[in-house]
Amino acid sequence: MRLTADRVAAEAAWVRDRSDVVVPLLNETRRRLGEEFETEVGTVSSDQYRDEVRAVFADGDVAVNVAGYVAILRELDVEGDYPGFVVDEVLGRELAATIAGGSPLSLLAQATFHYADVATHTDGGAGADDLDAALAAGFQTRLPGWDWQAGESPFAVDSSRPE
């Protein structure tokens, strides 16, 4: 596989155009997580998703890595599926983390990937459902809607405070 600027742009378009599959999965994942944690979680619109896809792919260093994971997962299939389940899980987890951004969101996206993956069943090769679950987990993590992300962290240290 060769990644070029054109290939990255093509993968970005594919991810953006996948909103009809990813957004419902993303919102269902949020609904289930909200129930688990007894909190209200905002839903995400297709427009919000597509805008966030543009933001992710606007950062070239992130874009090339996201495109690589997406391309591999789109093509990945394993004869008999089960013997190769580790590789699609690892790739899905890393894709979700890369989309979400740095710590702590990347770790949260990895955990959410597994939560979304168990409820995701996409026709296609071994990597197809992991790809959809990763997109849902990564984008749901970075998009607003969670109360704990709505304001300033209470753990921020005021840099103007004397020691």
C-alpha atoms as a PDB file:
ATOM      1  CA  MET A   1       0.000   0.000   0.000  1.00  0.00           C
ATOM      2  CA  ARG A   2       1.242   3.455  -0.860  1.00  0.00           C
ATOM      3  CA  LEU A   3      -0.063   6.591   0.847  1.00  0.00           C
ATOM      4  CA  THR A   4       0.078   9.782  -1.154  1.00  0.00           C
ATOM      5  CA  ALA A   5      -1.635  13.116  -0.642  1.00  0.00           C
ATOM      6  CA  ASP A   6      -4.263  11.998  -3.162  1.00  0.00           C
ATOM      7  CA  ARG A   7      -4.832   8.724  -1.304  1.00  0.00           C
ATOM      8  CA  VAL A   8      -5.200  10.576   2.007  1.00  0.00           C
ATOM      9  CA  ALA A   9      -7.758  12.906   0.388  1.00  0.00           C
ATOM     10  CA  ALA A  10      -9.642   9.885  -1.006  1.00  0.00           C
ATOM     11  CA  GLU A  11      -9.731   8.205   2.412  1.00  0.00           C
ATOM     12  CA  ALA A  12     -10.896  11.479   3.983  1.00  0.00           C
ATOM     13  CA  ALA A  13     -13.758  11.632   1.495  1.00  0.00           C
ATOM     14  CA  TRP A  14     -14.656   8.001   2.203  1.00  0.00           C
ATOM     15  CA  VAL A  15     -14.713   8.640   5.986  1.00  0.00           C
ATOM     16  CA  ARG A  16     -16.761  11.826   5.510  1.00  0.00           C
ATOM     17  CA  ASP A  17     -19.232  10.038   3.235  1.00  0.00           C
ATOM     18  CA  ARG A  18     -19.600   7.197   5.756  1.00  0.00           C
ATOM     19  CA  SER A  19     -21.699   9.471   8.002  1.00  0.00           C
ATOM     20  CA  ASP A  20     -24.883   7.510   7.271  1.00  0.00           C
ATOM     21  CA  VAL A  21     -23.342   4.484   9.006  1.00  0.00           C
ATOM     22  CA  VAL A  22     -21.026   6.090  11.568  1.00  0.00           C
ATOM     23  CA  VAL A  23     -23.334   8.760  13.016  1.00  0.00           C
ATOM     24  CA  PRO A  24     -26.117   6.345  14.054  1.00  0.00           C
ATOM     25  CA  LEU A  25     -23.499   4.009  15.561  1.00  0.00           C
ATOM     26  CA  LEU A  26     -21.813   6.939  17.314  1.00  0.00           C
ATOM     27  CA  ASN A  27     -25.124   8.131  18.779  1.00  0.00           C
ATOM     28  CA  GLU A  28     -26.144   4.619  19.818  1.00  0.00           C
ATOM     29  CA  THR A  29     -22.779   4.203  21.543  1.00  0.00           C
ATOM     30  CA  ARG A  30     -23.329   7.502  23.353  1.00  0.00           C
ATOM     31  CA  ARG A  31     -26.832   6.442  24.373  1.00  0.00           C
ATOM     32  CA  ARG A  32     -25.574   3.148  25.804  1.00  0.00           C
ATOM     33  CA  LEU A  33     -22.677   4.844  27.595  1.00  0.00           C
ATOM     34  CA  GLY A  34     -25.053   7.441  28.985  1.00  0.00           C
ATOM     35  CA  GLU A  35     -27.217   4.701  30.433  1.00  0.00           C
ATOM     36  CA  GLU A  36     -24.191   2.944  31.921  1.00  0.00           C
ATOM     37  CA  PHE A  37     -22.899   6.131  33.550  1.00  0.00           C
ATOM     38  CA  GLU A  38     -26.341   7.553  34.361  1.00  0.00           C
ATOM     39  CA  THR A  39     -25.792  10.775  32.433  1.00  0.00           C
ATOM     40  CA  GLU A  40     -27.260  12.588  29.467  1.00  0.00           C
ATOM     41  CA  VAL A  41     -24.979  12.665  26.447  1.00  0.00           C
ATOM     42  CA  GLY A  42     -25.647  14.949  23.501  1.00  0.00           C
ATOM     43  CA  THR A  43     -26.268  13.459  20.094  1.00  0.00           C
ATOM     44  CA  VAL A  44     -24.141  14.267  17.070  1.00  0.00           C
ATOM     45  CA  SER A  45     -25.526  15.362  13.707  1.00  0.00           C
ATOM     46  CA  SER A  46     -24.170  14.278  10.344  1.00  0.00           C
ATOM     47  CA  ASP A  47     -22.992  17.845   9.750  1.00  0.00           C
ATOM     48  CA  GLN A  48     -21.056  17.876  13.047  1.00  0.00           C
ATOM     49  CA  TYR A  49     -19.461  14.565  12.130  1.00  0.00           C
ATOM     50  CA  ARG A  50     -18.469  15.733   8.648  1.00  0.00           C
ATOM     51  CA  ASP A  51     -17.043  18.989  10.060  1.00  0.00           C
ATOM     52  CA  GLU A  52     -14.986  17.007  12.552  1.00  0.00           C
ATOM     53  CA  VAL A  53     -13.732  14.689   9.806  1.00  0.00           C
ATOM     54  CA  ARG A  54     -12.494  17.811   7.992  1.00  0.00           C
ATOM     55  CA  ALA A  55     -10.760  18.972  11.188  1.00  0.00           C
ATOM     56  CA  VAL A  56      -9.015  15.628  11.683  1.00  0.00           C
ATOM     57  CA  PHE A  57      -7.819  15.475   8.090  1.00  0.00           C
ATOM     58  CA  ALA A  58      -6.725  19.140   8.111  1.00  0.00           C
ATOM     59  CA  ASP A  59      -3.778  18.140  10.317  1.00  0.00           C
ATOM     60  CA  GLY A  60      -1.487  16.423   7.827  1.00  0.00           C
ATOM     61  CA  ASP A  61       0.431  14.395  10.416  1.00  0.00           C
ATOM     62  CA  VAL A  62      -2.801  13.012  11.841  1.00  0.00           C
ATOM     63  CA  ALA A  63      -4.421  12.676   8.404  1.00  0.00           C
ATOM     64  CA  VAL A  64      -1.786  10.354   6.965  1.00  0.00           C
ATOM     65  CA  ASN A  65      -2.011   8.043   9.979  1.00  0.00           C
ATOM     66  CA  VAL A  66      -5.814   8.007  10.038  1.00  0.00           C
ATOM     67  CA  ALA A  67      -5.845   7.357   6.286  1.00  0.00           C
ATOM     68  CA  GLY A  68      -3.397   4.480   6.718  1.00  0.00           C
ATOM     69  CA  TYR A  69      -5.477   2.801   9.403  1.00  0.00           C
ATOM     70  CA  VAL A  70      -8.664   3.322   7.398  1.00  0.00           C
ATOM     71  CA  ALA A  71      -7.125   1.917   4.215  1.00  0.00           C
ATOM     72  CA  ILE A  72      -5.782  -1.160   5.976  1.00  0.00           C
ATOM     73  CA  LEU A  73      -9.053  -1.876   7.779  1.00  0.00           C
ATOM     74  CA  ARG A  74     -11.052  -1.423   4.579  1.00  0.00           C
ATOM     75  CA  GLU A  75      -8.983  -4.121   2.909  1.00  0.00           C
ATOM     76  CA  LEU A  76      -8.297  -6.412   5.864  1.00  0.00           C
ATOM     77  CA  ASP A  77      -9.805  -9.849   5.779  1.00  0.00           C
ATOM     78  CA  VAL A  78      -8.605 -13.015   7.464  1.00  0.00           C
ATOM     79  CA  GLU A  79      -9.512 -16.476   6.296  1.00  0.00           C
ATOM     80  CA  GLY A  80     -11.783 -17.891   8.962  1.00  0.00           C
ATOM     81  CA  ASP A  81     -11.801 -14.438  10.661  1.00  0.00           C
ATOM     82  CA  TYR A  82     -11.156 -15.570  14.248  1.00  0.00           C
ATOM     83  CA  PRO A  83      -7.436 -16.401  13.897  1.00  0.00           C
ATOM     84  CA  GLY A  84      -6.752 -12.812  12.858  1.00  0.00           C
ATOM     85  CA  PHE A  85      -9.063 -10.982  15.221  1.00  0.00           C
ATOM     86  CA  VAL A  86      -6.188  -9.436  17.141  1.00  0.00           C
ATOM     87  CA  VAL A  87      -4.867  -7.418  14.205  1.00  0.00           C
ATOM     88  CA  ASP A  88      -8.222  -5.809  13.414  1.00  0.00           C
ATOM     89  CA  GLU A  89      -8.780  -5.038  17.104  1.00  0.00           C
ATOM     90  CA  VAL A  90      -5.361  -3.396  17.424  1.00  0.00           C
ATOM     91  CA  LEU A  91      -5.836  -1.362  14.257  1.00  0.00           C
ATOM     92  CA  GLY A  92      -9.344  -0.293  15.297  1.00  0.00           C
ATOM     93  CA  ARG A  93      -8.200   0.722  18.754  1.00  0.00           C
ATOM     94  CA  GLU A  94      -5.316   2.756  17.367  1.00  0.00           C
ATOM     95  CA  LEU A  95      -7.519   4.413  14.748  1.00  0.00           C
ATOM     96  CA  ALA A  96     -10.004   5.485  17.439  1.00  0.00           C
ATOM     97  CA  ALA A  97      -7.168   6.860  19.586  1.00  0.00           C
ATOM     98  CA  THR A  98      -5.591   8.746  16.689  1.00  0.00           C
ATOM     99  CA  ILE A  99      -8.892  10.378  15.777  1.00  0.00           C
ATOM    100  CA  ALA A 100      -9.626  11.350  19.395  1.00  0.00           C
ATOM    101  CA  GLY A 101      -6.306  13.128  19.896  1.00  0.00           C
ATOM    102  CA  GLY A 102      -3.818  13.016  22.721  1.00  0.00           C
ATOM    103  CA  SER A 103      -4.208  11.768  26.254  1.00  0.00           C
ATOM    104  CA  PRO A 104      -6.561  11.354  28.033  1.00  0.00           C
ATOM    105  CA  LEU A 105      -8.979  11.295  25.075  1.00  0.00           C
ATOM    106  CA  SER A 106      -6.947   8.703  23.175  1.00  0.00           C
ATOM    107  CA  LEU A 107      -7.240   6.191  26.020  1.00  0.00           C
ATOM    108  CA  LEU A 108     -10.945   6.906  26.386  1.00  0.00           C
ATOM    109  CA  ALA A 109     -11.429   6.325  22.647  1.00  0.00           C
ATOM    110  CA  GLN A 110      -9.587   3.002  22.837  1.00  0.00           C
ATOM    111  CA  ALA A 111     -11.878   1.811  25.630  1.00  0.00           C
ATOM    112  CA  THR A 112     -14.923   3.107  23.785  1.00  0.00           C
ATOM    113  CA  PHE A 113     -13.804   1.283  20.643  1.00  0.00           C
ATOM    114  CA  HIS A 114     -14.223  -2.073  22.358  1.00  0.00           C
ATOM    115  CA  TYR A 115     -17.603  -0.994  23.723  1.00  0.00           C
ATOM    116  CA  ALA A 116     -18.778   0.055  20.239  1.00  0.00           C
ATOM    117  CA  ASP A 117     -17.219  -2.950  18.538  1.00  0.00           C
ATOM    118  CA  VAL A 118     -19.305  -5.541  20.383  1.00  0.00           C
ATOM    119  CA  ALA A 119     -22.473  -3.889  19.012  1.00  0.00           C
ATOM    120  CA  THR A 120     -21.186  -3.327  15.462  1.00  0.00           C
ATOM    121  CA  HIS A 121     -21.803  -5.776  12.661  1.00  0.00           C
ATOM    122  CA  THR A 122     -20.787  -4.551   9.219  1.00  0.00           C
ATOM    123  CA  ASP A 123     -20.872  -6.680   6.101  1.00  0.00           C
ATOM    124  CA  GLY A 124     -17.467  -7.151   4.561  1.00  0.00           C
ATOM    125  CA  GLY A 125     -14.032  -8.318   5.569  1.00  0.00           C
ATOM    126  CA  ALA A 126     -12.717  -8.814   9.071  1.00  0.00           C
ATOM    127  CA  GLY A 127     -11.778  -5.150   9.416  1.00  0.00           C
ATOM    128  CA  ALA A 128     -15.120  -3.680   8.310  1.00  0.00           C
ATOM    129  CA  ASP A 129     -16.921  -3.658  11.628  1.00  0.00           C
ATOM    130  CA  ASP A 130     -13.760  -2.637  13.482  1.00  0.00           C
ATOM    131  CA  LEU A 131     -13.413   0.307  11.104  1.00  0.00           C
ATOM    132  CA  ASP A 132     -16.951   1.516  11.746  1.00  0.00           C
ATOM    133  CA  ALA A 133     -16.595   1.006  15.508  1.00  0.00           C
ATOM    134  CA  ALA A 134     -13.278   2.891  15.498  1.00  0.00           C
ATOM    135  CA  LEU A 135     -14.710   5.827  13.580  1.00  0.00           C
ATOM    136  CA  ALA A 136     -17.681   5.986  15.953  1.00  0.00           C
ATOM    137  CA  ALA A 137     -15.486   5.717  19.058  1.00  0.00           C
ATOM    138  CA  GLY A 138     -12.877   8.213  17.920  1.00  0.00           C
ATOM    139  CA  PHE A 139     -15.283  10.876  16.734  1.00  0.00           C
ATOM    140  CA  GLN A 140     -17.735  10.479  19.618  1.00  0.00           C
ATOM    141  CA  THR A 141     -14.832  11.008  22.020  1.00  0.00           C
ATOM    142  CA  ARG A 142     -13.606  14.234  20.447  1.00  0.00           C
ATOM    143  CA  LEU A 143     -17.022  15.784  19.773  1.00  0.00           C
ATOM    144  CA  PRO A 144     -18.865  17.810  22.428  1.00  0.00           C
ATOM    145  CA  GLY A 145     -21.830  16.404  24.309  1.00  0.00           C
ATOM    146  CA  TRP A 146     -20.325  15.086  27.521  1.00  0.00           C
ATOM    147  CA  ASP A 147     -20.945  17.189  30.641  1.00  0.00           C
ATOM    148  CA  TRP A 148     -17.433  16.596  31.990  1.00  0.00           C
ATOM    149  CA  GLN A 149     -15.982  18.223  28.866  1.00  0.00           C
ATOM    150  CA  ALA A 150     -18.323  21.223  28.851  1.00  0.00           C
ATOM    151  CA  GLY A 151     -16.339  23.474  31.177  1.00  0.00           C
ATOM    152  CA  GLU A 152     -12.917  24.145  32.545  1.00  0.00           C
ATOM    153  CA  SER A 153     -11.263  21.297  34.400  1.00  0.00           C
ATOM    154  CA  PRO A 154     -11.245  21.807  38.176  1.00  0.00           C
ATOM    155  CA  PHE A 155      -7.708  20.406  38.180  1.00  0.00           C
ATOM    156  CA  ALA A 156      -6.115  23.182  36.130  1.00  0.00           C
ATOM    157  CA  VAL A 157      -3.455  25.030  38.092  1.00  0.00           C
ATOM    158  CA  ASP A 158      -3.672  28.803  37.938  1.00  0.00           C
ATOM    159  CA  SER A 159      -0.274  29.872  36.572  1.00  0.00           C
ATOM    160  CA  SER A 160      -0.674  33.398  38.014  1.00  0.00           C
ATOM    161  CA  ARG A 161      -0.994  32.006  41.529  1.00  0.00           C
ATOM    162  CA  PRO A 162       2.114  32.675  43.655  1.00  0.00           C
ATOM    163  CA  GLU A 163       3.961  29.659  44.955  1.00  0.00           C
END
